[in-house]
Protein backbone atom coordinates (compact mmCIF):
# COMPACT_ATOMS: atom_id res chain seq x y z
CA UNK A 1 89.73 180.23 118.97
CA UNK A 2 93.17 179.58 119.05
CA UNK A 3 95.18 181.16 116.23
CA UNK A 4 98.51 182.90 115.97
CA UNK A 5 96.68 186.10 114.89
CA UNK A 6 97.11 190.19 116.79
CA UNK A 7 93.53 191.32 116.37
CA UNK A 8 90.76 189.72 114.06
CA UNK A 9 89.96 192.81 112.22
CA UNK A 10 93.97 193.35 111.33
CA UNK A 11 94.85 189.52 109.95
CA UNK A 12 94.94 190.94 106.48
CA UNK A 13 97.06 193.79 106.55
CA UNK A 14 99.75 192.02 108.82
CA UNK A 15 100.18 189.10 106.70
CA UNK A 16 99.99 191.60 103.56
CA UNK A 17 102.98 192.95 106.15
CA UNK A 18 104.84 189.29 106.38
CA UNK A 19 104.53 188.59 102.61
CA UNK A 20 106.09 191.86 101.77
CA UNK A 21 109.05 190.98 104.18
CA UNK A 22 109.21 187.35 103.57
CA UNK A 23 108.93 188.06 99.22
CA UNK A 24 111.03 191.10 98.31
CA UNK A 25 110.27 190.31 94.44
CA UNK A 26 106.71 191.63 95.27
CA UNK A 27 105.78 195.40 95.98
CA UNK A 28 102.55 195.14 98.48
CA UNK A 29 100.70 198.29 99.06
CA UNK A 30 99.60 197.33 102.66
CA UNK A 31 96.88 200.63 102.43
CA UNK A 32 96.06 199.91 99.04
CA UNK A 33 95.79 196.18 99.13
CA UNK A 34 97.67 195.17 96.00
CA UNK A 35 100.35 192.91 95.22
CA UNK A 36 101.95 193.53 92.21
CA UNK A 37 105.09 191.75 91.07
CA UNK A 38 108.26 194.41 91.64
CA UNK A 39 109.16 194.13 88.01
CA UNK A 40 105.60 195.48 86.66
CA UNK A 41 104.66 196.77 84.77
CA UNK A 42 106.04 194.51 82.05
CA UNK A 43 106.00 196.60 78.97
CA UNK A 44 104.28 194.86 76.16
CA UNK A 45 103.35 192.25 78.12
CA UNK A 46 99.56 191.08 78.91
CA UNK A 47 99.53 191.30 82.31
CA UNK A 48 97.16 188.66 84.28
CA UNK A 49 95.47 189.85 87.47
CA UNK A 50 93.40 188.54 89.82
CA UNK A 51 92.02 188.56 93.49
CA UNK A 52 89.40 187.39 95.60
CA UNK A 53 89.49 186.32 99.52
CA UNK A 54 91.60 185.97 102.20
CA UNK A 55 92.40 182.53 103.86
CA UNK A 56 92.83 180.47 100.45
CA UNK A 57 96.90 181.47 101.11
CA UNK A 58 99.06 180.84 98.83
CA UNK A 59 95.91 181.51 96.19
CA UNK A 60 96.56 184.44 94.83
CA UNK A 61 98.98 186.42 96.75
CA UNK A 62 101.09 183.54 96.52
CA UNK A 63 100.74 183.40 92.73
CA UNK A 64 102.31 186.59 91.90
CA UNK A 65 105.43 186.73 89.79
CA UNK A 66 107.21 185.29 86.74
CA UNK A 67 104.97 182.99 85.18
CA UNK A 68 102.07 183.19 86.68
CA UNK A 69 100.02 186.76 88.07
CA UNK A 70 101.18 190.31 86.96
CA UNK A 71 99.11 191.26 89.75
CA UNK A 72 96.61 190.51 93.01
CA UNK A 73 93.86 192.10 94.74
CA UNK A 74 93.27 190.54 98.21
CA UNK A 75 89.81 190.87 100.21
CA UNK A 76 88.97 190.62 103.48
CA UNK A 77 88.55 187.09 104.78
CA UNK A 78 86.57 185.17 102.09
CA UNK A 79 85.07 188.40 100.76
CA UNK A 80 85.90 189.77 97.47
CA UNK A 81 88.14 192.66 96.95
CA UNK A 82 86.15 195.88 95.82
CA UNK A 83 86.74 197.50 92.70
CA UNK A 84 89.53 200.35 93.31
CA UNK A 85 91.55 197.35 94.53
CA UNK A 86 91.15 195.21 91.28
CA UNK A 87 91.28 198.53 89.55
CA UNK A 88 94.74 199.70 91.11
CA UNK A 89 96.19 196.35 90.66
CA UNK A 90 95.16 196.38 87.12
CA UNK A 91 96.67 199.98 86.79
CA UNK A 92 99.85 199.08 88.60
CA UNK A 93 100.43 195.55 86.08
CA UNK A 94 99.49 196.95 83.22
CA UNK A 95 102.08 197.30 79.98
CA UNK A 96 100.15 198.83 76.90
CA UNK A 97 99.75 194.98 75.18
CA UNK A 98 96.20 194.06 77.45
CA UNK A 99 95.03 193.03 80.47
CA UNK A 100 93.62 189.46 81.84
CA UNK A 101 91.29 189.25 84.74
CA UNK A 102 91.10 185.65 86.36
CA UNK A 103 87.65 185.53 88.11
CA UNK A 104 86.56 182.88 90.11
CA UNK A 105 82.94 181.82 90.38
CA UNK A 106 81.82 184.08 92.86
CA UNK A 107 79.02 186.51 92.93
CA UNK A 108 80.80 189.31 94.49
CA UNK A 109 83.99 188.28 92.75
CA UNK A 110 82.28 188.38 89.58
CA UNK A 111 80.76 191.50 90.14
CA UNK A 112 83.52 193.64 91.33
CA UNK A 113 85.71 192.18 88.91
CA UNK A 114 83.38 193.57 86.32
CA UNK A 115 82.85 197.10 87.48
CA UNK A 116 86.99 197.24 87.36
CA UNK A 117 87.33 196.36 84.16
CA UNK A 118 84.55 198.83 82.93
CA UNK A 119 86.62 201.59 85.17
CA UNK A 120 90.20 200.27 83.80
CA UNK A 121 88.63 200.90 80.16
CA UNK A 122 87.95 204.51 80.59
CA UNK A 123 91.50 204.89 81.34
CA UNK A 124 92.16 203.43 78.40
CA UNK A 125 93.17 200.06 79.13
CA UNK A 126 91.67 196.92 77.52
CA UNK A 127 90.61 194.01 79.43
CA UNK A 128 89.46 190.77 79.09
CA UNK A 129 87.95 188.41 81.82
CA UNK A 130 87.87 184.23 81.77
CA UNK A 131 85.40 183.13 84.85
CA UNK A 132 86.95 179.79 86.42
CA UNK A 133 84.34 177.77 87.64
CA UNK A 134 86.02 173.76 87.86
CA UNK A 135 83.85 172.45 90.65
CA UNK A 136 81.86 169.43 89.64
CA UNK A 137 80.29 169.03 93.00
CA UNK A 138 77.63 172.05 93.34
CA UNK A 139 76.05 173.92 90.40
CA UNK A 140 74.27 176.69 92.34
CA UNK A 141 74.94 177.93 96.06
CA UNK A 142 74.45 180.72 97.96
CA UNK A 143 77.93 182.68 96.79
CA UNK A 144 77.29 181.36 92.66
CA UNK A 145 75.66 180.95 89.46
CA UNK A 146 76.63 178.12 88.50
CA UNK A 147 79.75 175.90 89.20
CA UNK A 148 82.49 177.57 91.72
CA UNK A 149 85.47 178.27 91.35
CA UNK A 150 88.24 176.37 93.26
CA UNK A 151 91.48 174.51 92.78
CA UNK A 152 91.53 174.91 88.78
CA UNK A 153 92.55 178.57 89.57
CA UNK A 154 95.69 177.34 89.93
CA UNK A 155 96.03 175.59 86.34
CA UNK A 156 94.45 178.37 84.52
CA UNK A 157 96.79 181.52 86.07
CA UNK A 158 99.67 178.64 85.74
CA UNK A 159 98.92 177.68 82.07
CA UNK A 160 97.48 181.46 80.71
CA UNK A 161 100.60 182.91 82.85
CA UNK A 162 103.04 181.28 80.72
CA UNK A 163 101.45 182.32 77.87
CA UNK A 164 101.63 185.43 78.64
CA UNK A 165 105.11 185.31 79.43
CA UNK A 166 106.01 184.10 76.16
CA UNK A 167 104.41 187.28 74.85
CA UNK A 168 100.60 186.35 73.28
CA UNK A 169 98.59 188.99 72.81
CA UNK A 170 95.27 189.19 74.96
CA UNK A 171 93.23 187.22 72.64
CA UNK A 172 95.35 184.10 72.78
CA UNK A 173 96.29 184.83 76.30
CA UNK A 174 92.30 184.53 77.13
CA UNK A 175 91.85 181.46 74.74
CA UNK A 176 94.15 179.36 76.55
CA UNK A 177 92.70 180.40 80.03
CA UNK A 178 89.23 179.39 78.64
CA UNK A 179 90.71 176.05 77.41
CA UNK A 180 92.10 174.85 80.78
CA UNK A 181 89.18 176.40 82.52
CA UNK A 182 87.17 173.91 80.44
CA UNK A 183 89.52 170.92 80.46
CA UNK A 184 89.45 171.12 84.36
CA UNK A 185 87.36 169.54 87.11
CA UNK A 186 87.73 169.82 91.25
CA UNK A 187 85.99 168.01 93.79
CA UNK A 188 87.11 169.03 97.86
CA UNK A 189 85.98 167.05 100.68
CA UNK A 190 86.01 168.40 104.32
CA UNK A 191 87.08 166.60 107.51
CA UNK A 192 86.19 169.29 109.95
CA UNK A 193 85.60 173.05 109.26
CA UNK A 194 87.19 176.32 109.91
CA UNK A 195 87.04 179.62 112.04
CA UNK A 196 87.18 183.24 110.11
CA UNK A 197 88.84 185.42 112.68
CA UNK A 198 86.67 188.23 112.89
CA UNK A 199 83.33 185.46 113.14
CA UNK A 200 85.25 183.48 116.28
CA UNK A 201 83.61 179.75 115.78
CA UNK A 202 83.28 177.54 113.43
CA UNK A 203 81.49 178.12 109.75
CA UNK A 204 79.88 174.76 110.13
CA UNK A 205 79.90 172.12 112.30
CA UNK A 206 80.31 168.47 111.46
CA UNK A 207 79.98 165.44 113.83
CA UNK A 208 82.66 163.40 115.35
CA UNK A 209 82.22 160.80 112.87
CA UNK A 210 81.10 162.87 109.94
CA UNK A 211 82.70 164.55 107.01
CA UNK A 212 81.76 166.30 103.78
CA UNK A 213 81.89 165.83 100.74
CA UNK A 214 81.71 167.94 97.71
CA UNK A 215 82.73 171.52 99.73
CA UNK A 216 83.92 174.87 98.05
CA UNK A 217 86.49 176.65 99.36
CA UNK A 218 84.67 178.87 101.69
CA UNK A 219 83.24 176.17 104.11
CA UNK A 220 79.98 175.94 101.53
CA UNK A 221 77.86 172.69 101.88
CA UNK A 222 78.75 170.53 99.64
CA UNK A 223 76.64 167.18 97.80
CA UNK A 224 76.14 165.18 101.42
CA UNK A 225 77.40 164.50 104.75
CA UNK A 226 78.44 161.07 105.08
CA UNK A 227 79.85 158.43 108.03
CA UNK A 228 83.98 159.08 107.85
CA UNK A 229 85.71 157.03 105.03
CA UNK A 230 89.17 155.78 104.32
CA UNK A 231 91.59 158.23 102.34
CA UNK A 232 90.34 155.79 99.34
CA UNK A 233 86.86 155.86 99.36
CA UNK A 234 87.36 160.10 99.58
CA UNK A 235 89.43 159.93 96.61
CA UNK A 236 87.32 157.83 94.84
CA UNK A 237 84.24 159.85 95.51
CA UNK A 238 86.14 162.89 94.51
CA UNK A 239 87.06 161.02 90.82
CA UNK A 240 83.93 159.13 90.26
CA UNK A 241 82.40 162.71 90.39
CA UNK A 242 85.32 164.34 88.76
CA UNK A 243 84.84 161.21 85.64
CA UNK A 244 81.32 161.39 85.42
CA UNK A 245 81.41 164.99 84.30
CA UNK A 246 84.16 165.15 81.99
CA UNK A 247 85.22 160.99 81.15
CA UNK A 248 89.11 160.42 81.66
CA UNK A 249 89.72 157.61 80.24
CA UNK A 250 92.70 157.56 77.47
CA UNK A 251 93.49 161.22 78.52
CA UNK A 252 96.93 162.44 79.70
CA UNK A 253 95.99 164.68 83.04
CA UNK A 254 97.58 166.64 85.44
CA UNK A 255 96.72 165.71 89.03
CA UNK A 256 96.84 168.43 92.13
CA UNK A 257 95.73 166.93 95.41
CA UNK A 258 95.32 169.75 97.14
CA UNK A 259 95.42 170.20 101.39
CA UNK A 260 92.46 172.49 102.57
CA UNK A 261 95.03 174.62 105.51
CA UNK A 262 94.50 172.18 108.27
CA UNK A 263 95.52 168.55 106.58
CA UNK A 264 99.35 167.23 107.16
CA UNK A 265 101.08 166.75 104.02
CA UNK A 266 101.52 162.56 104.87
CA UNK A 267 97.71 162.50 104.51
CA UNK A 268 98.06 164.41 101.35
CA UNK A 269 100.72 162.07 99.70
CA UNK A 270 98.17 159.34 100.73
CA UNK A 271 95.15 160.87 99.03
CA UNK A 272 97.57 161.37 95.70
CA UNK A 273 99.04 157.72 95.74
CA UNK A 274 95.47 156.78 95.86
CA UNK A 275 94.25 159.31 93.07
CA UNK A 276 97.49 157.76 90.83
CA UNK A 277 96.25 154.15 90.97
CA UNK A 278 92.73 155.27 90.59
CA UNK A 279 93.28 156.98 87.27
CA UNK A 280 96.16 154.59 86.14
CA UNK A 281 93.24 151.51 86.75
CA UNK A 282 90.70 154.02 84.61
CA UNK A 283 93.11 154.45 81.85
CA UNK A 284 93.90 157.38 82.50
CA UNK A 285 98.00 159.19 82.92
CA UNK A 286 99.31 161.42 85.66
CA UNK A 287 101.56 163.24 83.26
CA UNK A 288 102.21 166.09 85.90
CA UNK A 289 101.49 166.16 89.36
CA UNK A 290 101.32 168.85 92.32
CA UNK A 291 100.90 167.54 95.95
CA UNK A 292 100.37 171.04 98.54
CA UNK A 293 98.43 173.44 100.33
CA UNK A 294 97.90 175.54 97.22
CA UNK A 295 94.06 176.65 97.35
CA UNK A 296 93.40 176.13 101.37
CA UNK A 297 90.43 177.34 103.70
CA UNK A 298 92.08 178.77 106.88
CA UNK A 299 92.86 176.13 109.02
CA UNK A 300 89.84 173.27 107.21
CA UNK A 301 91.50 169.87 107.32
CA UNK A 302 90.46 168.01 104.13
CA UNK A 303 91.54 168.13 100.21
CA UNK A 304 90.71 169.06 96.77
CA UNK A 305 91.43 166.55 93.80
CA UNK A 306 91.59 168.76 90.93
CA UNK A 307 92.27 167.46 87.03
CA UNK A 308 93.24 168.55 84.16
CA UNK A 309 93.07 166.78 80.22
CA UNK A 310 96.46 168.00 78.96
CA UNK A 311 97.30 168.52 75.46
CA UNK A 312 100.95 168.73 74.24
CA UNK A 313 100.50 172.51 74.27
CA UNK A 314 98.68 172.68 77.63
CA UNK A 315 102.28 170.67 78.97
CA UNK A 316 104.75 172.88 77.34
CA UNK A 317 103.19 175.80 78.89
CA UNK A 318 102.44 174.35 82.80
CA UNK A 319 106.20 173.33 82.22
CA UNK A 320 107.51 176.63 81.32
CA UNK A 321 109.58 178.48 84.12
CA UNK A 322 107.71 180.13 87.07
CA UNK A 323 108.91 181.77 90.38
CA UNK A 324 106.17 183.01 92.59
CA UNK A 325 106.13 182.67 96.44
CA UNK A 326 103.90 179.31 95.35
CA UNK A 327 105.52 177.78 93.03
CA UNK A 328 108.78 177.47 91.24
CA UNK A 329 110.44 175.40 89.16
CA UNK A 330 112.80 175.92 85.25
CA UNK A 331 114.16 179.04 86.70
């Protein structure tokens, strides 16, 4: 295992210390493991809270800031944050207008956010929750009951975050988040595995000429393992699976080509070009496009294709100003 770390047990704390040094717009609690907007709580504003296992950076800690999350609770690598963390983030960000929990559909996250919401409500904080389950590859797995939450989390948090920033009420922000989730689908492909520091060996192993279609963000197995194929074939497999679930013809879409952590940007742009051509051939229009490593799996090589079918209102909210470590435009 070759990693730029000190000790495997300290990677999350050390990474959060660096996050705090790099981004003074964030308030980082190393002991409590929370990341909060420095200007939180914002009185009268619905607060968005999310969290999940570390190792997916910039998700979620890199999505904290104006126009997205008000706070995040990072767990250990690929492990859900505990309820006390989520509760602390919720209370730190609550401005009196209610809190929306954005929860990826993994068993630990769902249970722990539910407990934290109950504890927050005992403290007088109104909490709504939206579960993100955009992955079309696998409907049930070791960590989920139903579809997994993957790249669609970015779209949910950006668009619902914009609604909250504009002063929308909790019910409206939650409805926007649910609408985005319903209109978003993802499919991931692994070209290599990744190594969790405390484990010290790859999560899974691929043969020299193999790739995994439909992987999850924790290295969970996908639909099938196949002989390696060119970028055009990988993109075709991803978008064919998405289109079979929710037809894309005639839609205006936001396209995310997401690197899994170990994929050069050049290769991500190759995938983006193939995706744009595929969508055009199949009658869809790419209205917005984002390329980069936003929802990662440590050093895994591969990509995830995420498509959100836009409406004029969702496009407007997507274009609204955002200023976080990972996304910045309009300010």
